[in-house]
PDB file of N, CA and C in Angstrom:
ATOM      1  N   MET A   1     -41.807 -85.842  49.239  1.00  0.00           N
ATOM      2  CA  MET A   1     -42.450 -86.386  48.083  1.00  0.00           C
ATOM      3  C   MET A   1     -42.924 -85.228  47.146  1.00  0.00           C
ATOM      4  N   VAL A   2     -43.520 -84.270  47.857  1.00  0.00           N
ATOM      5  CA  VAL A   2     -44.050 -83.136  47.071  1.00  0.00           C
ATOM      6  C   VAL A   2     -42.958 -82.353  46.300  1.00  0.00           C
ATOM      7  N   ILE A   3     -41.835 -82.200  47.006  1.00  0.00           N
ATOM      8  CA  ILE A   3     -40.683 -81.503  46.341  1.00  0.00           C
ATOM      9  C   ILE A   3     -40.200 -82.217  45.064  1.00  0.00           C
ATOM     10  N   ILE A   4     -40.234 -83.492  45.105  1.00  0.00           N
ATOM     11  CA  ILE A   4     -39.949 -84.315  43.945  1.00  0.00           C
ATOM     12  C   ILE A   4     -40.839 -84.072  42.784  1.00  0.00           C
ATOM     13  N   TRP A   5     -42.169 -84.056  43.084  1.00  0.00           N
ATOM     14  CA  TRP A   5     -43.193 -83.752  42.044  1.00  0.00           C
ATOM     15  C   TRP A   5     -43.012 -82.351  41.473  1.00  0.00           C
ATOM     16  N   ILE A   6     -42.761 -81.360  42.301  1.00  0.00           N
ATOM     17  CA  ILE A   6     -42.482 -80.031  41.913  1.00  0.00           C
ATOM     18  C   ILE A   6     -41.310 -79.954  40.953  1.00  0.00           C
ATOM     19  N   GLY A   7     -40.255 -80.606  41.415  1.00  0.00           N
ATOM     20  CA  GLY A   7     -39.022 -80.680  40.623  1.00  0.00           C
ATOM     21  C   GLY A   7     -39.256 -81.272  39.216  1.00  0.00           C
ATOM     22  N   ILE A   8     -39.984 -82.405  39.256  1.00  0.00           N
ATOM     23  CA  ILE A   8     -40.317 -82.992  37.945  1.00  0.00           C
ATOM     24  C   ILE A   8     -41.186 -82.144  37.031  1.00  0.00           C
ATOM     25  N   GLY A   9     -42.100 -81.483  37.617  1.00  0.00           N
ATOM     26  CA  GLY A   9     -42.938 -80.537  36.901  1.00  0.00           C
ATOM     27  C   GLY A   9     -42.186 -79.436  36.277  1.00  0.00           C
ATOM     28  N   ILE A  10     -41.280 -78.812  37.019  1.00  0.00           N
ATOM     29  CA  ILE A  10     -40.401 -77.742  36.548  1.00  0.00           C
ATOM     30  C   ILE A  10     -39.548 -78.210  35.435  1.00  0.00           C
ATOM     31  N   GLY A  11     -38.917 -79.370  35.622  1.00  0.00           N
ATOM     32  CA  GLY A  11     -38.094 -79.973  34.582  1.00  0.00           C
ATOM     33  C   GLY A  11     -38.800 -80.205  33.306  1.00  0.00           C
ATOM     34  N   LEU A  12     -39.993 -80.755  33.349  1.00  0.00           N
ATOM     35  CA  LEU A  12     -40.757 -80.960  32.163  1.00  0.00           C
ATOM     36  C   LEU A  12     -41.091 -79.699  31.494  1.00  0.00           C
ATOM     37  N   LEU A  13     -41.482 -78.646  32.261  1.00  0.00           N
ATOM     38  CA  LEU A  13     -41.779 -77.395  31.725  1.00  0.00           C
ATOM     39  C   LEU A  13     -40.617 -76.704  30.994  1.00  0.00           C
ATOM     40  N   ILE A  14     -39.466 -76.815  31.533  1.00  0.00           N
ATOM     41  CA  ILE A  14     -38.248 -76.291  30.944  1.00  0.00           C
ATOM     42  C   ILE A  14     -37.953 -77.106  29.660  1.00  0.00           C
ATOM     43  N   ALA A  15     -38.110 -78.426  29.661  1.00  0.00           N
ATOM     44  CA  ALA A  15     -37.918 -79.233  28.491  1.00  0.00           C
ATOM     45  C   ALA A  15     -38.902 -78.956  27.335  1.00  0.00           C
ATOM     46  N   ILE A  16     -40.086 -78.728  27.666  1.00  0.00           N
ATOM     47  CA  ILE A  16     -41.075 -78.311  26.707  1.00  0.00           C
ATOM     48  C   ILE A  16     -40.691 -77.013  26.063  1.00  0.00           C
ATOM     49  N   ILE A  17     -40.376 -76.018  26.871  1.00  0.00           N
ATOM     50  CA  ILE A  17     -40.036 -74.759  26.384  1.00  0.00           C
ATOM     51  C   ILE A  17     -38.805 -74.834  25.440  1.00  0.00           C
ATOM     52  N   LEU A  18     -37.808 -75.589  25.847  1.00  0.00           N
ATOM     53  CA  LEU A  18     -36.620 -75.682  24.978  1.00  0.00           C
ATOM     54  C   LEU A  18     -36.835 -76.412  23.639  1.00  0.00           C
ATOM     55  N   ILE A  19     -37.731 -77.405  23.730  1.00  0.00           N
ATOM     56  CA  ILE A  19     -38.068 -78.231  22.412  1.00  0.00           C
ATOM     57  C   ILE A  19     -38.886 -77.311  21.523  1.00  0.00           C
ATOM     58  N   LYS A  20     -39.805 -76.463  22.129  1.00  0.00           N
ATOM     59  CA  LYS A  20     -40.490 -75.567  21.306  1.00  0.00           C
ATOM     60  C   LYS A  20     -39.643 -74.518  20.640  1.00  0.00           C
ATOM     61  N   LYS A  21     -38.551 -74.061  21.406  1.00  0.00           N
ATOM     62  CA  LYS A  21     -37.694 -73.046  20.831  1.00  0.00           C
ATOM     63  C   LYS A  21     -36.800 -73.660  19.714  1.00  0.00           C
ATOM     64  N   ILE A  22     -36.506 -74.951  19.807  1.00  0.00           N
ATOM     65  CA  ILE A  22     -35.762 -75.606  18.759  1.00  0.00           C
ATOM     66  C   ILE A  22     -36.503 -75.664  17.470  1.00  0.00           C
ATOM     67  N   PHE A  23     -37.748 -75.999  17.582  1.00  0.00           N
ATOM     68  CA  PHE A  23     -38.625 -76.116  16.370  1.00  0.00           C
ATOM     69  C   PHE A  23     -38.991 -74.757  15.784  1.00  0.00           C
ATOM     70  N   THR A  24     -39.036 -73.690  16.618  1.00  0.00           N
ATOM     71  CA  THR A  24     -39.502 -72.442  16.054  1.00  0.00           C
ATOM     72  C   THR A  24     -38.334 -71.607  15.471  1.00  0.00           C
ATOM     73  N   THR A  25     -37.093 -71.915  15.874  1.00  0.00           N
ATOM     74  CA  THR A  25     -35.979 -71.146  15.266  1.00  0.00           C
ATOM     75  C   THR A  25     -35.624 -71.697  13.908  1.00  0.00           C
ATOM     76  N   SER A  26     -35.156 -70.768  12.995  1.00  0.00           N
ATOM     77  CA  SER A  26     -34.755 -71.256  11.671  1.00  0.00           C
ATOM     78  C   SER A  26     -33.429 -71.936  11.758  1.00  0.00           C
ATOM     79  N   ALA A  27     -33.227 -72.842  10.721  1.00  0.00           N
ATOM     80  CA  ALA A  27     -31.994 -73.566  10.570  1.00  0.00           C
ATOM     81  C   ALA A  27     -30.857 -72.656  10.146  1.00  0.00           C
ATOM     82  N   LYS A  28     -31.231 -71.545   9.489  1.00  0.00           N
ATOM     83  CA  LYS A  28     -30.218 -70.666   9.046  1.00  0.00           C
ATOM     84  C   LYS A  28     -29.759 -69.587  10.011  1.00  0.00           C
ATOM     85  N   THR A  29     -30.455 -69.556  11.156  1.00  0.00           N
ATOM     86  CA  THR A  29     -30.135 -68.592  12.267  1.00  0.00           C
ATOM     87  C   THR A  29     -28.784 -69.070  12.913  1.00  0.00           C
ATOM     88  N   SER A  30     -27.936 -68.073  13.034  1.00  0.00           N
ATOM     89  CA  SER A  30     -26.605 -68.477  13.706  1.00  0.00           C
ATOM     90  C   SER A  30     -26.270 -67.491  14.806  1.00  0.00           C
ATOM     91  N   PHE A  31     -25.348 -67.923  15.615  1.00  0.00           N
ATOM     92  CA  PHE A  31     -24.888 -67.013  16.658  1.00  0.00           C
ATOM     93  C   PHE A  31     -23.842 -66.074  16.178  1.00  0.00           C
ATOM     94  N   LYS A  32     -24.005 -64.771  16.273  1.00  0.00           N
ATOM     95  CA  LYS A  32     -23.073 -63.819  15.671  1.00  0.00           C
ATOM     96  C   LYS A  32     -22.351 -63.088  16.798  1.00  0.00           C
ATOM     97  N   ILE A  33     -21.037 -62.888  16.519  1.00  0.00           N
ATOM     98  CA  ILE A  33     -20.169 -62.035  17.403  1.00  0.00           C
ATOM     99  C   ILE A  33     -19.631 -60.950  16.471  1.00  0.00           C
ATOM    100  N   GLY A  34     -19.681 -59.775  16.958  1.00  0.00           N
ATOM    101  CA  GLY A  34     -19.234 -58.620  16.104  1.00  0.00           C
ATOM    102  C   GLY A  34     -17.784 -58.588  16.094  1.00  0.00           C
ATOM    103  N   ILE A  35     -17.092 -58.912  15.048  1.00  0.00           N
ATOM    104  CA  ILE A  35     -15.650 -58.986  14.931  1.00  0.00           C
ATOM    105  C   ILE A  35     -15.069 -57.569  14.788  1.00  0.00           C
ATOM    106  N   ARG A  36     -15.817 -56.669  14.176  1.00  0.00           N
ATOM    107  CA  ARG A  36     -15.316 -55.346  13.965  1.00  0.00           C
ATOM    108  C   ARG A  36     -16.208 -54.318  14.747  1.00  0.00           C
ATOM    109  N   CYS A  37     -15.599 -53.217  15.070  1.00  0.00           N
ATOM    110  CA  CYS A  37     -16.232 -52.136  15.830  1.00  0.00           C
ATOM    111  C   CYS A  37     -17.311 -51.532  14.964  1.00  0.00           C
ATOM    112  N   GLN A  38     -18.433 -51.251  15.528  1.00  0.00           N
ATOM    113  CA  GLN A  38     -19.551 -50.631  14.718  1.00  0.00           C
ATOM    114  C   GLN A  38     -19.309 -49.193  14.380  1.00  0.00           C
ATOM    115  N   ARG A  39     -18.590 -48.534  15.153  1.00  0.00           N
ATOM    116  CA  ARG A  39     -18.322 -47.019  14.937  1.00  0.00           C
ATOM    117  C   ARG A  39     -17.253 -46.830  13.939  1.00  0.00           C
ATOM    118  N   CYS A  40     -16.035 -47.467  14.179  1.00  0.00           N
ATOM    119  CA  CYS A  40     -14.871 -47.137  13.217  1.00  0.00           C
ATOM    120  C   CYS A  40     -14.432 -48.292  12.390  1.00  0.00           C
ATOM    121  N   GLY A  41     -14.914 -49.533  12.615  1.00  0.00           N
ATOM    122  CA  GLY A  41     -14.566 -50.647  11.749  1.00  0.00           C
ATOM    123  C   GLY A  41     -13.308 -51.302  12.126  1.00  0.00           C
ATOM    124  N   TYR A  42     -12.598 -50.981  13.187  1.00  0.00           N
ATOM    125  CA  TYR A  42     -11.415 -51.612  13.687  1.00  0.00           C
ATOM    126  C   TYR A  42     -11.646 -53.030  14.117  1.00  0.00           C
ATOM    127  N   LYS A  43     -10.751 -54.005  13.759  1.00  0.00           N
ATOM    128  CA  LYS A  43     -10.986 -55.407  14.197  1.00  0.00           C
ATOM    129  C   LYS A  43     -10.765 -55.506  15.636  1.00  0.00           C
ATOM    130  N   THR A  44     -11.715 -55.990  16.336  1.00  0.00           N
ATOM    131  CA  THR A  44     -11.664 -56.186  17.828  1.00  0.00           C
ATOM    132  C   THR A  44     -11.926 -57.556  18.289  1.00  0.00           C
ATOM    133  N   ASN A  45     -12.387 -58.450  17.475  1.00  0.00           N
ATOM    134  CA  ASN A  45     -12.682 -59.900  17.844  1.00  0.00           C
ATOM    135  C   ASN A  45     -13.683 -59.954  18.953  1.00  0.00           C
ATOM    136  N   GLY A  46     -14.680 -59.096  18.974  1.00  0.00           N
ATOM    137  CA  GLY A  46     -15.674 -59.109  20.049  1.00  0.00           C
ATOM    138  C   GLY A  46     -15.392 -58.358  21.262  1.00  0.00           C
ATOM    139  N   LEU A  47     -14.220 -57.802  21.433  1.00  0.00           N
ATOM    140  CA  LEU A  47     -13.779 -57.066  22.627  1.00  0.00           C
ATOM    141  C   LEU A  47     -14.195 -55.601  22.463  1.00  0.00           C
ATOM    142  N   LYS A  48     -13.873 -54.783  23.468  1.00  0.00           N
ATOM    143  CA  LYS A  48     -14.124 -53.370  23.393  1.00  0.00           C
ATOM    144  C   LYS A  48     -13.062 -52.796  22.439  1.00  0.00           C
ATOM    145  N   CYS A  49     -13.575 -51.842  21.738  1.00  0.00           N
ATOM    146  CA  CYS A  49     -12.708 -51.075  20.733  1.00  0.00           C
ATOM    147  C   CYS A  49     -11.756 -50.123  21.399  1.00  0.00           C
ATOM    148  N   PRO A  50     -10.467 -50.348  21.298  1.00  0.00           N
ATOM    149  CA  PRO A  50      -9.469 -49.516  22.020  1.00  0.00           C
ATOM    150  C   PRO A  50      -9.456 -48.043  21.438  1.00  0.00           C
ATOM    151  N   ARG A  51      -9.692 -47.928  20.198  1.00  0.00           N
ATOM    152  CA  ARG A  51      -9.693 -46.623  19.586  1.00  0.00           C
ATOM    153  C   ARG A  51     -10.888 -45.774  20.022  1.00  0.00           C
ATOM    154  N   CYS A  52     -12.138 -46.354  19.994  1.00  0.00           N
ATOM    155  CA  CYS A  52     -13.351 -45.585  20.379  1.00  0.00           C
ATOM    156  C   CYS A  52     -13.357 -45.401  21.882  1.00  0.00           C
ATOM    157  N   GLU A  53     -12.879 -46.463  22.665  1.00  0.00           N
ATOM    158  CA  GLU A  53     -12.739 -46.249  24.140  1.00  0.00           C
ATOM    159  C   GLU A  53     -11.902 -45.110  24.517  1.00  0.00           C
ATOM    160  N   ASN A  54     -10.707 -45.042  23.983  1.00  0.00           N
ATOM    161  CA  ASN A  54      -9.788 -43.902  24.216  1.00  0.00           C
ATOM    162  C   ASN A  54     -10.329 -42.591  23.779  1.00  0.00           C
ATOM    163  N   ALA A  55     -10.973 -42.563  22.635  1.00  0.00           N
ATOM    164  CA  ALA A  55     -11.578 -41.297  22.110  1.00  0.00           C
ATOM    165  C   ALA A  55     -12.632 -40.824  22.972  1.00  0.00           C
ATOM    166  N   SER A  56     -13.535 -41.778  23.566  1.00  0.00           N
ATOM    167  CA  SER A  56     -14.596 -41.233  24.400  1.00  0.00           C
ATOM    168  C   SER A  56     -14.045 -40.844  25.726  1.00  0.00           C
ATOM    169  N   ASP A  57     -12.903 -41.404  26.227  1.00  0.00           N
ATOM    170  CA  ASP A  57     -12.350 -40.975  27.410  1.00  0.00           C
ATOM    171  C   ASP A  57     -11.737 -39.629  27.247  1.00  0.00           C
ATOM    172  N   HIS A  58     -11.097 -39.305  26.171  1.00  0.00           N
ATOM    173  CA  HIS A  58     -10.461 -38.062  25.833  1.00  0.00           C
ATOM    174  C   HIS A  58     -11.547 -36.962  25.712  1.00  0.00           C
ATOM    175  N   GLN A  59     -12.734 -37.328  25.087  1.00  0.00           N
ATOM    176  CA  GLN A  59     -13.723 -36.349  24.965  1.00  0.00           C
ATOM    177  C   GLN A  59     -14.494 -36.039  26.311  1.00  0.00           C
ATOM    178  N   ARG A  60     -14.511 -36.962  27.128  1.00  0.00           N
ATOM    179  CA  ARG A  60     -15.077 -36.790  28.389  1.00  0.00           C
ATOM    180  C   ARG A  60     -14.403 -35.680  29.260  1.00  0.00           C
ATOM    181  N   TRP A  61     -13.122 -35.613  29.171  1.00  0.00           N
ATOM    182  CA  TRP A  61     -12.279 -34.627  30.023  1.00  0.00           C
ATOM    183  C   TRP A  61     -12.237 -33.283  29.347  1.00  0.00           C
ATOM    184  N   ARG A  62     -12.698 -33.072  28.073  1.00  0.00           N
ATOM    185  CA  ARG A  62     -12.644 -31.797  27.479  1.00  0.00           C
ATOM    186  C   ARG A  62     -13.669 -30.845  28.040  1.00  0.00           C
TER     187      ARG A  62
END
């Protein structure tokens, strides 16, 4: 019985935190994924940049 009360308490705590988070974030805030590489500007669709990755590998062995 005690485990049930602990579970209910934890569930309510998580629900309160999430509801507070919903009200405090702006409606204009969005989830962003970097489509382009920050170093060279090559389109990567959120993946690792093949240009910069190969360049750093090449520079490592020099």
